[in-house]
Amino acid sequence: MRLSSIALFASTATAISFSGSSIVTNYFSRRDGHNKCPAIWNTISKDLTSRFLANGQCNPDARAAIRAIFHDCGAWNTAQGAKGGCDGSLAIAPGEIDRSENKGLANIIAMLKNMANTYNVGVADMIVFAGNHAIVTCPGGPRVQTYIGRTDSTTPAPNGLLPDVNADPAALSRLFTDKGFSDRDLAALLGAHSTSNQFHFDTSTANVGASQDSTPGVWDVKYYSETLNPPKGIVVFPSDSKLAQYKGVGKEFNGFVNNAGKWNGKFADAMAKMALFGSGNTKNMADCTDSLPKTTNAKRELKAINPFMPRY
């Protein structure tokens, strides 16, 4: 997953007060989604599996799709309410894909736009579905609750809502709080760097393409221990290193070390929440979670991997 900024931000109800309103709304508490998931998403899911899985691991396109959902949905805060967020603007708003924080996403966004056109579905929905599909495609990854039925927007996302790898931890904590996330949510979402490769932070010859943990093709918790004690060849973003030791975020971060079960559950909650940024509620949406692949067993997949094959 090519990263120049962290840009990685629970299905739990969170009380959020939107600007211009005196009413505190349980913005993420509604889980209607009674509409039947269109069958086309089963076809799309099979297509994505063929694109995202290679030699028992999630490949570079899968990792890029995970980054794409963070960058489309994550450029949002609670002040925007039921607009922005997961609206496809990363793909269709003039100039947004060209921003410095979105370096390296052009190819995956072009692929997902083409797929949306081919299957006659929304671009925003395709980015969200593909991102959550990629997560569960990675061996050990959780199934994230996934709704379909967003409205695409050509309005660019506001600037300054994606975190920077060099930012102060207090500023990063505030940025995520403004999105409705807790310290635990933030610590859990950082774990998506388990499948990350960086290309634009450290551009030295030795580190271009370096991963953030030693198993980038597998969804596991090595990222947490290896951020705290990096082995040779691993690149740790300054923001990750600082947050791993920062107040409540650091406490939660350390709680995920060697605790895959805890992390997967908390990550899936936080990711499901982010995937509804800008949706308001799910009343007119369809729950397409069952169209995603079933979660795979990381240990079983690892046994099947040729240890001498190239890593993705």
C-alpha atoms as a PDB file:
ATOM      1  CA  MET A   1       0.000   0.000   0.000  1.00  0.00           C
ATOM      2  CA  ARG A   2       1.768   3.109  -1.152  1.00  0.00           C
ATOM      3  CA  LEU A   3       1.666   5.746   1.530  1.00  0.00           C
ATOM      4  CA  SER A   4       2.741   9.346   1.758  1.00  0.00           C
ATOM      5  CA  SER A   5       0.461  10.064   4.710  1.00  0.00           C
ATOM      6  CA  ILE A   6      -1.028   7.710   7.270  1.00  0.00           C
ATOM      7  CA  ALA A   7      -4.518   8.377   6.057  1.00  0.00           C
ATOM      8  CA  LEU A   8      -5.628   5.422   8.127  1.00  0.00           C
ATOM      9  CA  PHE A   9      -8.116   6.484  10.537  1.00  0.00           C
ATOM     10  CA  ALA A  10     -16.533   1.306  15.555  1.00  0.00           C
ATOM     11  CA  SER A  11     -20.216  -0.300  14.353  1.00  0.00           C
ATOM     12  CA  THR A  12     -20.798   1.098  17.881  1.00  0.00           C
ATOM     13  CA  ALA A  13     -23.167   4.037  18.364  1.00  0.00           C
ATOM     14  CA  THR A  14     -21.341   7.315  18.807  1.00  0.00           C
ATOM     15  CA  ALA A  15     -22.994  10.531  19.934  1.00  0.00           C
ATOM     16  CA  ILE A  16     -21.899  13.284  17.563  1.00  0.00           C
ATOM     17  CA  SER A  17     -23.053  16.895  17.521  1.00  0.00           C
ATOM     18  CA  PHE A  18     -23.009  18.366  14.032  1.00  0.00           C
ATOM     19  CA  SER A  19     -22.319  22.034  13.462  1.00  0.00           C
ATOM     20  CA  GLY A  20     -25.428  24.124  12.983  1.00  0.00           C
ATOM     21  CA  SER A  21     -27.513  21.805  15.095  1.00  0.00           C
ATOM     22  CA  SER A  22     -28.220  21.682  18.791  1.00  0.00           C
ATOM     23  CA  ILE A  23     -29.273  18.066  18.549  1.00  0.00           C
ATOM     24  CA  VAL A  24     -26.810  15.344  19.463  1.00  0.00           C
ATOM     25  CA  THR A  25     -27.343  12.575  16.966  1.00  0.00           C
ATOM     26  CA  ASN A  26     -26.534   8.899  17.294  1.00  0.00           C
ATOM     27  CA  TYR A  27     -25.056   9.169  13.847  1.00  0.00           C
ATOM     28  CA  PHE A  28     -23.804   5.643  13.504  1.00  0.00           C
ATOM     29  CA  SER A  29     -26.421   3.853  15.593  1.00  0.00           C
ATOM     30  CA  ARG A  30     -28.829   3.204  12.730  1.00  0.00           C
ATOM     31  CA  ARG A  31     -28.316  -0.052  10.912  1.00  0.00           C
ATOM     32  CA  ASP A  32     -31.407  -0.326   8.726  1.00  0.00           C
ATOM     33  CA  GLY A  33     -30.112  -1.620   5.396  1.00  0.00           C
ATOM     34  CA  HIS A  34     -33.190  -3.781   4.783  1.00  0.00           C
ATOM     35  CA  ASN A  35     -32.832  -3.482   0.999  1.00  0.00           C
ATOM     36  CA  LYS A  36     -31.655  -6.669  -0.660  1.00  0.00           C
ATOM     37  CA  CYS A  37     -28.079  -6.576  -1.873  1.00  0.00           C
ATOM     38  CA  PRO A  38     -28.038  -6.506  -5.699  1.00  0.00           C
ATOM     39  CA  ALA A  39     -26.691  -9.770  -7.122  1.00  0.00           C
ATOM     40  CA  ILE A  40     -24.127  -7.868  -9.191  1.00  0.00           C
ATOM     41  CA  TRP A  41     -22.004  -7.466  -6.048  1.00  0.00           C
ATOM     42  CA  ASN A  42     -21.468 -11.241  -5.912  1.00  0.00           C
ATOM     43  CA  THR A  43     -20.047 -11.033  -9.424  1.00  0.00           C
ATOM     44  CA  ILE A  44     -17.911  -8.027  -8.498  1.00  0.00           C
ATOM     45  CA  SER A  45     -16.631  -9.878  -5.446  1.00  0.00           C
ATOM     46  CA  LYS A  46     -15.411 -12.801  -7.561  1.00  0.00           C
ATOM     47  CA  ASP A  47     -13.707 -10.371  -9.929  1.00  0.00           C
ATOM     48  CA  LEU A  48     -11.963  -8.588  -7.052  1.00  0.00           C
ATOM     49  CA  THR A  49     -10.746 -11.871  -5.579  1.00  0.00           C
ATOM     50  CA  SER A  50      -9.060 -12.692  -8.873  1.00  0.00           C
ATOM     51  CA  ARG A  51      -7.404  -9.275  -8.811  1.00  0.00           C
ATOM     52  CA  PHE A  52      -6.434  -9.140  -5.124  1.00  0.00           C
ATOM     53  CA  LEU A  53      -5.220 -12.633  -4.186  1.00  0.00           C
ATOM     54  CA  ALA A  54      -1.915 -14.082  -5.356  1.00  0.00           C
ATOM     55  CA  ASN A  55      -0.038 -17.092  -4.002  1.00  0.00           C
ATOM     56  CA  GLY A  56      -2.136 -17.150  -0.866  1.00  0.00           C
ATOM     57  CA  GLN A  57      -1.487 -13.512   0.044  1.00  0.00           C
ATOM     58  CA  CYS A  58      -3.110 -10.169  -0.660  1.00  0.00           C
ATOM     59  CA  ASN A  59      -1.177  -8.454  -3.438  1.00  0.00           C
ATOM     60  CA  PRO A  60      -0.202  -4.826  -4.161  1.00  0.00           C
ATOM     61  CA  ASP A  61      -3.591  -3.996  -5.728  1.00  0.00           C
ATOM     62  CA  ALA A  62      -5.350  -5.232  -2.597  1.00  0.00           C
ATOM     63  CA  ARG A  63      -3.115  -3.136  -0.403  1.00  0.00           C
ATOM     64  CA  ALA A  64      -3.689  -0.098  -2.605  1.00  0.00           C
ATOM     65  CA  ALA A  65      -7.463  -0.630  -2.391  1.00  0.00           C
ATOM     66  CA  ILE A  66      -7.231  -0.573   1.402  1.00  0.00           C
ATOM     67  CA  ARG A  67      -5.411   2.716   1.213  1.00  0.00           C
ATOM     68  CA  ALA A  68      -7.975   4.072  -1.264  1.00  0.00           C
ATOM     69  CA  ILE A  69     -10.942   3.538   1.061  1.00  0.00           C
ATOM     70  CA  PHE A  70      -9.081   5.349   3.826  1.00  0.00           C
ATOM     71  CA  HIS A  71      -8.337   8.299   1.567  1.00  0.00           C
ATOM     72  CA  ASP A  72     -11.844   8.624   0.086  1.00  0.00           C
ATOM     73  CA  CYS A  73     -13.790   8.063   3.300  1.00  0.00           C
ATOM     74  CA  GLY A  74     -11.293   9.487   5.770  1.00  0.00           C
ATOM     75  CA  ALA A  75     -11.207  13.034   4.389  1.00  0.00           C
ATOM     76  CA  TRP A  76     -14.234  13.807   6.582  1.00  0.00           C
ATOM     77  CA  ASN A  77     -15.129  15.083  10.019  1.00  0.00           C
ATOM     78  CA  THR A  78     -18.356  15.242  11.973  1.00  0.00           C
ATOM     79  CA  ALA A  79     -18.943  18.884  11.031  1.00  0.00           C
ATOM     80  CA  GLN A  80     -19.723  17.694   7.471  1.00  0.00           C
ATOM     81  CA  GLY A  81     -22.602  15.507   8.629  1.00  0.00           C
ATOM     82  CA  ALA A  82     -24.361  13.624   5.846  1.00  0.00           C
ATOM     83  CA  LYS A  83     -22.127  14.780   3.031  1.00  0.00           C
ATOM     84  CA  GLY A  84     -18.587  14.152   1.890  1.00  0.00           C
ATOM     85  CA  GLY A  85     -16.793  11.141   3.302  1.00  0.00           C
ATOM     86  CA  CYS A  86     -17.248   7.999   1.220  1.00  0.00           C
ATOM     87  CA  ASP A  87     -18.536   9.772  -1.870  1.00  0.00           C
ATOM     88  CA  GLY A  88     -16.111   8.742  -4.600  1.00  0.00           C
ATOM     89  CA  SER A  89     -14.641  12.240  -4.856  1.00  0.00           C
ATOM     90  CA  LEU A  90     -11.138  10.771  -4.718  1.00  0.00           C
ATOM     91  CA  ALA A  91     -11.885   9.259  -8.129  1.00  0.00           C
ATOM     92  CA  ILE A  92     -14.175  11.786  -9.796  1.00  0.00           C
ATOM     93  CA  ALA A  93     -13.621  15.216  -8.222  1.00  0.00           C
ATOM     94  CA  PRO A  94     -11.276  17.371 -10.333  1.00  0.00           C
ATOM     95  CA  GLY A  95      -7.776  17.467  -8.899  1.00  0.00           C
ATOM     96  CA  GLU A  96      -8.326  15.414  -5.753  1.00  0.00           C
ATOM     97  CA  ILE A  97      -6.371  12.372  -6.920  1.00  0.00           C
ATOM     98  CA  ASP A  98      -3.467  14.682  -7.770  1.00  0.00           C
ATOM     99  CA  ARG A  99      -2.989  15.956  -4.218  1.00  0.00           C
ATOM    100  CA  SER A 100       0.335  15.060  -2.637  1.00  0.00           C
ATOM    101  CA  GLU A 101      -1.270  12.890   0.044  1.00  0.00           C
ATOM    102  CA  ASN A 102      -2.841  10.747  -2.692  1.00  0.00           C
ATOM    103  CA  LYS A 103       0.394   9.912  -4.493  1.00  0.00           C
ATOM    104  CA  GLY A 104       0.466   6.338  -5.698  1.00  0.00           C
ATOM    105  CA  LEU A 105      -3.316   5.884  -5.783  1.00  0.00           C
ATOM    106  CA  ALA A 106      -3.950   6.803  -9.417  1.00  0.00           C
ATOM    107  CA  ASN A 107      -3.637   3.253 -10.768  1.00  0.00           C
ATOM    108  CA  ILE A 108      -5.957   1.580  -8.255  1.00  0.00           C
ATOM    109  CA  ILE A 109      -8.478   4.407  -8.597  1.00  0.00           C
ATOM    110  CA  ALA A 110      -8.443   4.055 -12.384  1.00  0.00           C
ATOM    111  CA  MET A 111      -9.034   0.307 -12.007  1.00  0.00           C
ATOM    112  CA  LEU A 112     -11.941   0.790  -9.611  1.00  0.00           C
ATOM    113  CA  LYS A 113     -13.506   3.509 -11.800  1.00  0.00           C
ATOM    114  CA  ASN A 114     -13.348   1.176 -14.798  1.00  0.00           C
ATOM    115  CA  MET A 115     -14.932  -1.618 -12.766  1.00  0.00           C
ATOM    116  CA  ALA A 116     -17.707   0.703 -11.589  1.00  0.00           C
ATOM    117  CA  ASN A 117     -18.438   1.638 -15.198  1.00  0.00           C
ATOM    118  CA  THR A 118     -18.275  -1.979 -16.365  1.00  0.00           C
ATOM    119  CA  TYR A 119     -20.720  -3.190 -13.727  1.00  0.00           C
ATOM    120  CA  ASN A 120     -22.836  -0.018 -13.759  1.00  0.00           C
ATOM    121  CA  VAL A 121     -22.469   0.700 -10.040  1.00  0.00           C
ATOM    122  CA  GLY A 122     -21.436   3.781  -8.097  1.00  0.00           C
ATOM    123  CA  VAL A 123     -17.787   4.725  -7.798  1.00  0.00           C
ATOM    124  CA  ALA A 124     -18.123   5.479  -4.073  1.00  0.00           C
ATOM    125  CA  ASP A 125     -19.678   2.071  -3.459  1.00  0.00           C
ATOM    126  CA  MET A 126     -16.952   0.398  -5.516  1.00  0.00           C
ATOM    127  CA  ILE A 127     -14.165   2.045  -3.492  1.00  0.00           C
ATOM    128  CA  VAL A 128     -15.761   1.008  -0.184  1.00  0.00           C
ATOM    129  CA  PHE A 129     -16.608  -2.529  -1.308  1.00  0.00           C
ATOM    130  CA  ALA A 130     -13.162  -3.063  -2.829  1.00  0.00           C
ATOM    131  CA  GLY A 131     -11.389  -1.740   0.258  1.00  0.00           C
ATOM    132  CA  ASN A 132     -13.337  -3.993   2.615  1.00  0.00           C
ATOM    133  CA  HIS A 133     -12.970  -6.886   0.163  1.00  0.00           C
ATOM    134  CA  ALA A 134      -9.206  -6.416   0.178  1.00  0.00           C
ATOM    135  CA  ILE A 135      -9.115  -6.476   3.989  1.00  0.00           C
ATOM    136  CA  VAL A 136     -10.798  -9.874   4.206  1.00  0.00           C
ATOM    137  CA  THR A 137      -8.823 -11.151   1.198  1.00  0.00           C
ATOM    138  CA  CYS A 138      -5.634 -10.727   3.222  1.00  0.00           C
ATOM    139  CA  PRO A 139      -5.199 -13.975   5.204  1.00  0.00           C
ATOM    140  CA  GLY A 140      -6.414 -13.329   8.746  1.00  0.00           C
ATOM    141  CA  GLY A 141      -8.390 -10.206   7.802  1.00  0.00           C
ATOM    142  CA  PRO A 142     -11.881  -9.609   9.241  1.00  0.00           C
ATOM    143  CA  ARG A 143     -15.140  -9.207   7.361  1.00  0.00           C
ATOM    144  CA  VAL A 144     -16.208  -5.586   7.770  1.00  0.00           C
ATOM    145  CA  GLN A 145     -19.922  -4.768   7.611  1.00  0.00           C
ATOM    146  CA  THR A 146     -20.401  -3.233   4.181  1.00  0.00           C
ATOM    147  CA  TYR A 147     -23.372  -1.233   2.915  1.00  0.00           C
ATOM    148  CA  ILE A 148     -24.093  -0.223  -0.673  1.00  0.00           C
ATOM    149  CA  GLY A 149     -26.137   2.766  -1.855  1.00  0.00           C
ATOM    150  CA  ARG A 150     -23.987   5.909  -1.647  1.00  0.00           C
ATOM    151  CA  THR A 151     -24.272   8.980  -3.839  1.00  0.00           C
ATOM    152  CA  ASP A 152     -21.208   9.890  -5.897  1.00  0.00           C
ATOM    153  CA  SER A 153     -19.927  13.459  -5.657  1.00  0.00           C
ATOM    154  CA  THR A 154     -17.681  15.571  -7.874  1.00  0.00           C
ATOM    155  CA  THR A 155     -17.073  18.035  -5.015  1.00  0.00           C
ATOM    156  CA  PRO A 156     -13.479  17.696  -3.807  1.00  0.00           C
ATOM    157  CA  ALA A 157     -12.955  16.684  -0.196  1.00  0.00           C
ATOM    158  CA  PRO A 158     -11.752  19.500   2.090  1.00  0.00           C
ATOM    159  CA  ASN A 159      -8.020  19.841   2.478  1.00  0.00           C
ATOM    160  CA  GLY A 160      -6.291  19.032   5.732  1.00  0.00           C
ATOM    161  CA  LEU A 161      -8.426  16.095   6.886  1.00  0.00           C
ATOM    162  CA  LEU A 162      -5.952  13.313   6.103  1.00  0.00           C
ATOM    163  CA  PRO A 163      -3.176  12.841   8.665  1.00  0.00           C
ATOM    164  CA  ASP A 164       0.453  13.459   7.838  1.00  0.00           C
ATOM    165  CA  VAL A 165       3.237  11.067   8.809  1.00  0.00           C
ATOM    166  CA  ASN A 166       5.231  13.885  10.384  1.00  0.00           C
ATOM    167  CA  ALA A 167       2.378  15.383  12.409  1.00  0.00           C
ATOM    168  CA  ASP A 168       2.459  15.858  16.164  1.00  0.00           C
ATOM    169  CA  PRO A 169       0.634  13.040  18.037  1.00  0.00           C
ATOM    170  CA  ALA A 170      -1.631  15.511  19.867  1.00  0.00           C
ATOM    171  CA  ALA A 171      -2.724  16.973  16.525  1.00  0.00           C
ATOM    172  CA  LEU A 172      -3.319  13.515  15.086  1.00  0.00           C
ATOM    173  CA  SER A 173      -5.386  12.541  18.125  1.00  0.00           C
ATOM    174  CA  ARG A 174      -7.556  15.665  17.697  1.00  0.00           C
ATOM    175  CA  LEU A 175      -7.936  14.970  13.983  1.00  0.00           C
ATOM    176  CA  PHE A 176      -9.324  11.510  14.685  1.00  0.00           C
ATOM    177  CA  THR A 177     -11.492  12.722  17.569  1.00  0.00           C
ATOM    178  CA  ASP A 178     -13.082  15.158  15.118  1.00  0.00           C
ATOM    179  CA  LYS A 179     -14.036  12.150  12.994  1.00  0.00           C
ATOM    180  CA  GLY A 180     -15.823  10.569  15.955  1.00  0.00           C
ATOM    181  CA  PHE A 181     -13.079   8.075  16.778  1.00  0.00           C
ATOM    182  CA  SER A 182     -11.814   7.048  20.204  1.00  0.00           C
ATOM    183  CA  ASP A 183      -8.209   6.313  21.190  1.00  0.00           C
ATOM    184  CA  ARG A 184      -8.969   2.612  20.717  1.00  0.00           C
ATOM    185  CA  ASP A 185     -10.396   3.214  17.244  1.00  0.00           C
ATOM    186  CA  LEU A 186      -7.312   5.157  16.195  1.00  0.00           C
ATOM    187  CA  ALA A 187      -4.921   2.524  17.555  1.00  0.00           C
ATOM    188  CA  ALA A 188      -6.912  -0.223  15.800  1.00  0.00           C
ATOM    189  CA  LEU A 189      -7.048   1.566  12.445  1.00  0.00           C
ATOM    190  CA  LEU A 190      -3.300   2.170  12.484  1.00  0.00           C
ATOM    191  CA  GLY A 191      -2.968  -1.614  12.286  1.00  0.00           C
ATOM    192  CA  ALA A 192      -3.935  -1.492   8.614  1.00  0.00           C
ATOM    193  CA  HIS A 193      -0.261  -0.707   8.126  1.00  0.00           C
ATOM    194  CA  SER A 194       0.150  -4.450   8.668  1.00  0.00           C
ATOM    195  CA  THR A 195      -0.320  -4.711   4.889  1.00  0.00           C
ATOM    196  CA  SER A 196       1.440  -1.510   3.907  1.00  0.00           C
ATOM    197  CA  ASN A 197       4.396  -0.817   1.667  1.00  0.00           C
ATOM    198  CA  GLN A 198       5.688   2.746   1.497  1.00  0.00           C
ATOM    199  CA  PHE A 199       6.923   4.391  -1.678  1.00  0.00           C
ATOM    200  CA  HIS A 200       6.763   8.144  -1.033  1.00  0.00           C
ATOM    201  CA  PHE A 201       7.853   8.732   2.578  1.00  0.00           C
ATOM    202  CA  ASP A 202      11.401   7.383   2.477  1.00  0.00           C
ATOM    203  CA  THR A 203      12.516   7.520  -1.127  1.00  0.00           C
ATOM    204  CA  SER A 204      16.015   6.194  -0.550  1.00  0.00           C
ATOM    205  CA  THR A 205      16.903   3.306  -2.849  1.00  0.00           C
ATOM    206  CA  ALA A 206      17.068   0.833   0.027  1.00  0.00           C
ATOM    207  CA  ASN A 207      13.626   1.706   1.397  1.00  0.00           C
ATOM    208  CA  VAL A 208      11.379   2.412  -1.591  1.00  0.00           C
ATOM    209  CA  GLY A 209       8.710  -0.269  -1.367  1.00  0.00           C
ATOM    210  CA  ALA A 210       9.672  -1.236   2.180  1.00  0.00           C
ATOM    211  CA  SER A 211       6.875  -2.595   4.353  1.00  0.00           C
ATOM    212  CA  GLN A 212       5.659  -1.497   7.794  1.00  0.00           C
ATOM    213  CA  ASP A 213       5.902  -5.026   9.153  1.00  0.00           C
ATOM    214  CA  SER A 214       7.615  -8.231   8.095  1.00  0.00           C
ATOM    215  CA  THR A 215       4.466  -9.890   6.631  1.00  0.00           C
ATOM    216  CA  PRO A 216       2.772  -7.309   4.353  1.00  0.00           C
ATOM    217  CA  GLY A 217       0.780  -9.958   2.483  1.00  0.00           C
ATOM    218  CA  VAL A 218      -0.895 -11.192   5.654  1.00  0.00           C
ATOM    219  CA  TRP A 219      -3.285  -9.458   8.059  1.00  0.00           C
ATOM    220  CA  ASP A 220      -1.664  -9.886  11.462  1.00  0.00           C
ATOM    221  CA  VAL A 221      -0.490  -7.997  14.557  1.00  0.00           C
ATOM    222  CA  LYS A 222       3.229  -8.051  13.831  1.00  0.00           C
ATOM    223  CA  TYR A 223       2.879  -4.376  12.925  1.00  0.00           C
ATOM    224  CA  TYR A 224       2.284  -3.496  16.569  1.00  0.00           C
ATOM    225  CA  SER A 225       5.316  -5.235  18.039  1.00  0.00           C
ATOM    226  CA  GLU A 226       7.529  -4.293  15.106  1.00  0.00           C
ATOM    227  CA  THR A 227       6.585  -0.623  15.312  1.00  0.00           C
ATOM    228  CA  LEU A 228       7.793  -0.660  18.914  1.00  0.00           C
ATOM    229  CA  ASN A 229      10.910  -2.714  18.079  1.00  0.00           C
ATOM    230  CA  PRO A 230      11.537  -2.464  14.319  1.00  0.00           C
ATOM    231  CA  PRO A 231      13.486  -5.300  12.686  1.00  0.00           C
ATOM    232  CA  LYS A 232      15.900  -4.557   9.875  1.00  0.00           C
ATOM    233  CA  GLY A 233      14.206  -3.610   6.612  1.00  0.00           C
ATOM    234  CA  ILE A 234      11.005  -2.257   8.197  1.00  0.00           C
ATOM    235  CA  VAL A 235      10.117   1.410   7.799  1.00  0.00           C
ATOM    236  CA  VAL A 236       8.206   2.964  10.698  1.00  0.00           C
ATOM    237  CA  PHE A 237       6.432   6.259  10.083  1.00  0.00           C
ATOM    238  CA  PRO A 238       7.255   8.936  12.674  1.00  0.00           C
ATOM    239  CA  SER A 239       3.536   9.404  13.339  1.00  0.00           C
ATOM    240  CA  ASP A 240       3.091   5.700  14.132  1.00  0.00           C
ATOM    241  CA  SER A 241       6.081   5.661  16.444  1.00  0.00           C
ATOM    242  CA  LYS A 242       4.823   8.731  18.325  1.00  0.00           C
ATOM    243  CA  LEU A 243       1.205   7.554  18.586  1.00  0.00           C
ATOM    244  CA  ALA A 244       2.376   4.157  19.871  1.00  0.00           C
ATOM    245  CA  GLN A 245       3.651   5.982  22.950  1.00  0.00           C
ATOM    246  CA  TYR A 246       1.057   8.773  23.214  1.00  0.00           C
ATOM    247  CA  LYS A 247      -1.342   8.800  26.175  1.00  0.00           C
ATOM    248  CA  GLY A 248      -4.506   6.711  25.666  1.00  0.00           C
ATOM    249  CA  VAL A 249      -3.665   5.850  22.072  1.00  0.00           C
ATOM    250  CA  GLY A 250      -0.379   4.322  23.174  1.00  0.00           C
ATOM    251  CA  LYS A 251      -2.103   2.258  25.871  1.00  0.00           C
ATOM    252  CA  GLU A 252      -4.527   0.847  23.309  1.00  0.00           C
ATOM    253  CA  PHE A 253      -1.729   0.334  20.769  1.00  0.00           C
ATOM    254  CA  ASN A 254       0.281  -1.751  23.226  1.00  0.00           C
ATOM    255  CA  GLY A 255      -2.866  -3.737  24.063  1.00  0.00           C
ATOM    256  CA  PHE A 256      -2.959  -5.076  20.487  1.00  0.00           C
ATOM    257  CA  VAL A 257       0.561  -6.534  20.629  1.00  0.00           C
ATOM    258  CA  ASN A 258       0.246 -10.327  20.137  1.00  0.00           C
ATOM    259  CA  ASN A 259      -3.548 -10.038  20.455  1.00  0.00           C
ATOM    260  CA  ALA A 260      -4.969 -10.606  16.962  1.00  0.00           C
ATOM    261  CA  GLY A 261      -8.464 -11.491  18.188  1.00  0.00           C
ATOM    262  CA  LYS A 262      -8.875  -8.239  20.077  1.00  0.00           C
ATOM    263  CA  TRP A 263      -7.434  -6.160  17.269  1.00  0.00           C
ATOM    264  CA  ASN A 264      -9.503  -7.693  14.462  1.00  0.00           C
ATOM    265  CA  GLY A 265     -12.751  -7.052  16.327  1.00  0.00           C
ATOM    266  CA  LYS A 266     -11.905  -3.448  17.181  1.00  0.00           C
ATOM    267  CA  PHE A 267     -10.588  -2.780  13.688  1.00  0.00           C
ATOM    268  CA  ALA A 268     -13.730  -4.163  12.032  1.00  0.00           C
ATOM    269  CA  ASP A 269     -15.903  -1.956  14.261  1.00  0.00           C
ATOM    270  CA  ALA A 270     -13.920   1.185  13.490  1.00  0.00           C
ATOM    271  CA  MET A 271     -13.716   0.409   9.774  1.00  0.00           C
ATOM    272  CA  ALA A 272     -17.461  -0.198   9.506  1.00  0.00           C
ATOM    273  CA  LYS A 273     -17.987   3.189  11.091  1.00  0.00           C
ATOM    274  CA  MET A 274     -15.628   4.929   8.696  1.00  0.00           C
ATOM    275  CA  ALA A 275     -17.264   3.251   5.691  1.00  0.00           C
ATOM    276  CA  LEU A 276     -20.459   5.152   6.555  1.00  0.00           C
ATOM    277  CA  PHE A 277     -18.864   8.588   6.782  1.00  0.00           C
ATOM    278  CA  GLY A 278     -21.162  10.975   4.912  1.00  0.00           C
ATOM    279  CA  SER A 279     -24.014   8.485   4.571  1.00  0.00           C
ATOM    280  CA  GLY A 280     -26.195   9.801   7.406  1.00  0.00           C
ATOM    281  CA  ASN A 281     -27.797   6.414   8.015  1.00  0.00           C
ATOM    282  CA  THR A 282     -28.350   3.130   6.221  1.00  0.00           C
ATOM    283  CA  LYS A 283     -32.130   3.396   5.740  1.00  0.00           C
ATOM    284  CA  ASN A 284     -31.944   3.364   1.953  1.00  0.00           C
ATOM    285  CA  MET A 285     -28.828   1.218   1.701  1.00  0.00           C
ATOM    286  CA  ALA A 286     -28.330  -2.515   1.231  1.00  0.00           C
ATOM    287  CA  ASP A 287     -26.148  -4.671   3.465  1.00  0.00           C
ATOM    288  CA  CYS A 288     -23.779  -6.462   1.077  1.00  0.00           C
ATOM    289  CA  THR A 289     -21.458  -7.915   3.712  1.00  0.00           C
ATOM    290  CA  ASP A 290     -22.397 -11.458   2.657  1.00  0.00           C
ATOM    291  CA  SER A 291     -21.093 -10.717  -0.838  1.00  0.00           C
ATOM    292  CA  LEU A 292     -17.586 -10.364   0.579  1.00  0.00           C
ATOM    293  CA  PRO A 293     -15.354 -13.447   0.809  1.00  0.00           C
ATOM    294  CA  LYS A 294     -15.365 -15.334   4.074  1.00  0.00           C
ATOM    295  CA  THR A 295     -12.424 -14.622   6.324  1.00  0.00           C
ATOM    296  CA  THR A 296      -9.397 -16.810   5.716  1.00  0.00           C
ATOM    297  CA  ASN A 297      -7.201 -18.518   8.272  1.00  0.00           C
ATOM    298  CA  ALA A 298      -3.801 -16.846   8.328  1.00  0.00           C
ATOM    299  CA  LYS A 299      -1.996 -19.894   9.726  1.00  0.00           C
ATOM    300  CA  ARG A 300      -3.488 -22.196   7.100  1.00  0.00           C
ATOM    301  CA  GLU A 301      -2.618 -19.793   4.297  1.00  0.00           C
ATOM    302  CA  LEU A 302       0.918 -19.306   5.578  1.00  0.00           C
ATOM    303  CA  LYS A 303       1.524 -23.070   5.553  1.00  0.00           C
ATOM    304  CA  ALA A 304       0.570 -23.084   1.885  1.00  0.00           C
ATOM    305  CA  ILE A 305       2.973 -20.271   0.976  1.00  0.00           C
ATOM    306  CA  ASN A 306       6.254 -21.096  -0.708  1.00  0.00           C
ATOM    307  CA  PRO A 307       8.816 -19.465   1.611  1.00  0.00           C
ATOM    308  CA  PHE A 308      11.106 -18.762  -1.349  1.00  0.00           C
ATOM    309  CA  MET A 309       8.551 -16.945  -3.485  1.00  0.00           C
ATOM    310  CA  PRO A 310       8.789 -13.139  -3.888  1.00  0.00           C
ATOM    311  CA  ARG A 311       6.937 -11.193  -1.210  1.00  0.00           C
ATOM    312  CA  TYR A 312       4.311  -8.662  -2.200  1.00  0.00           C
END
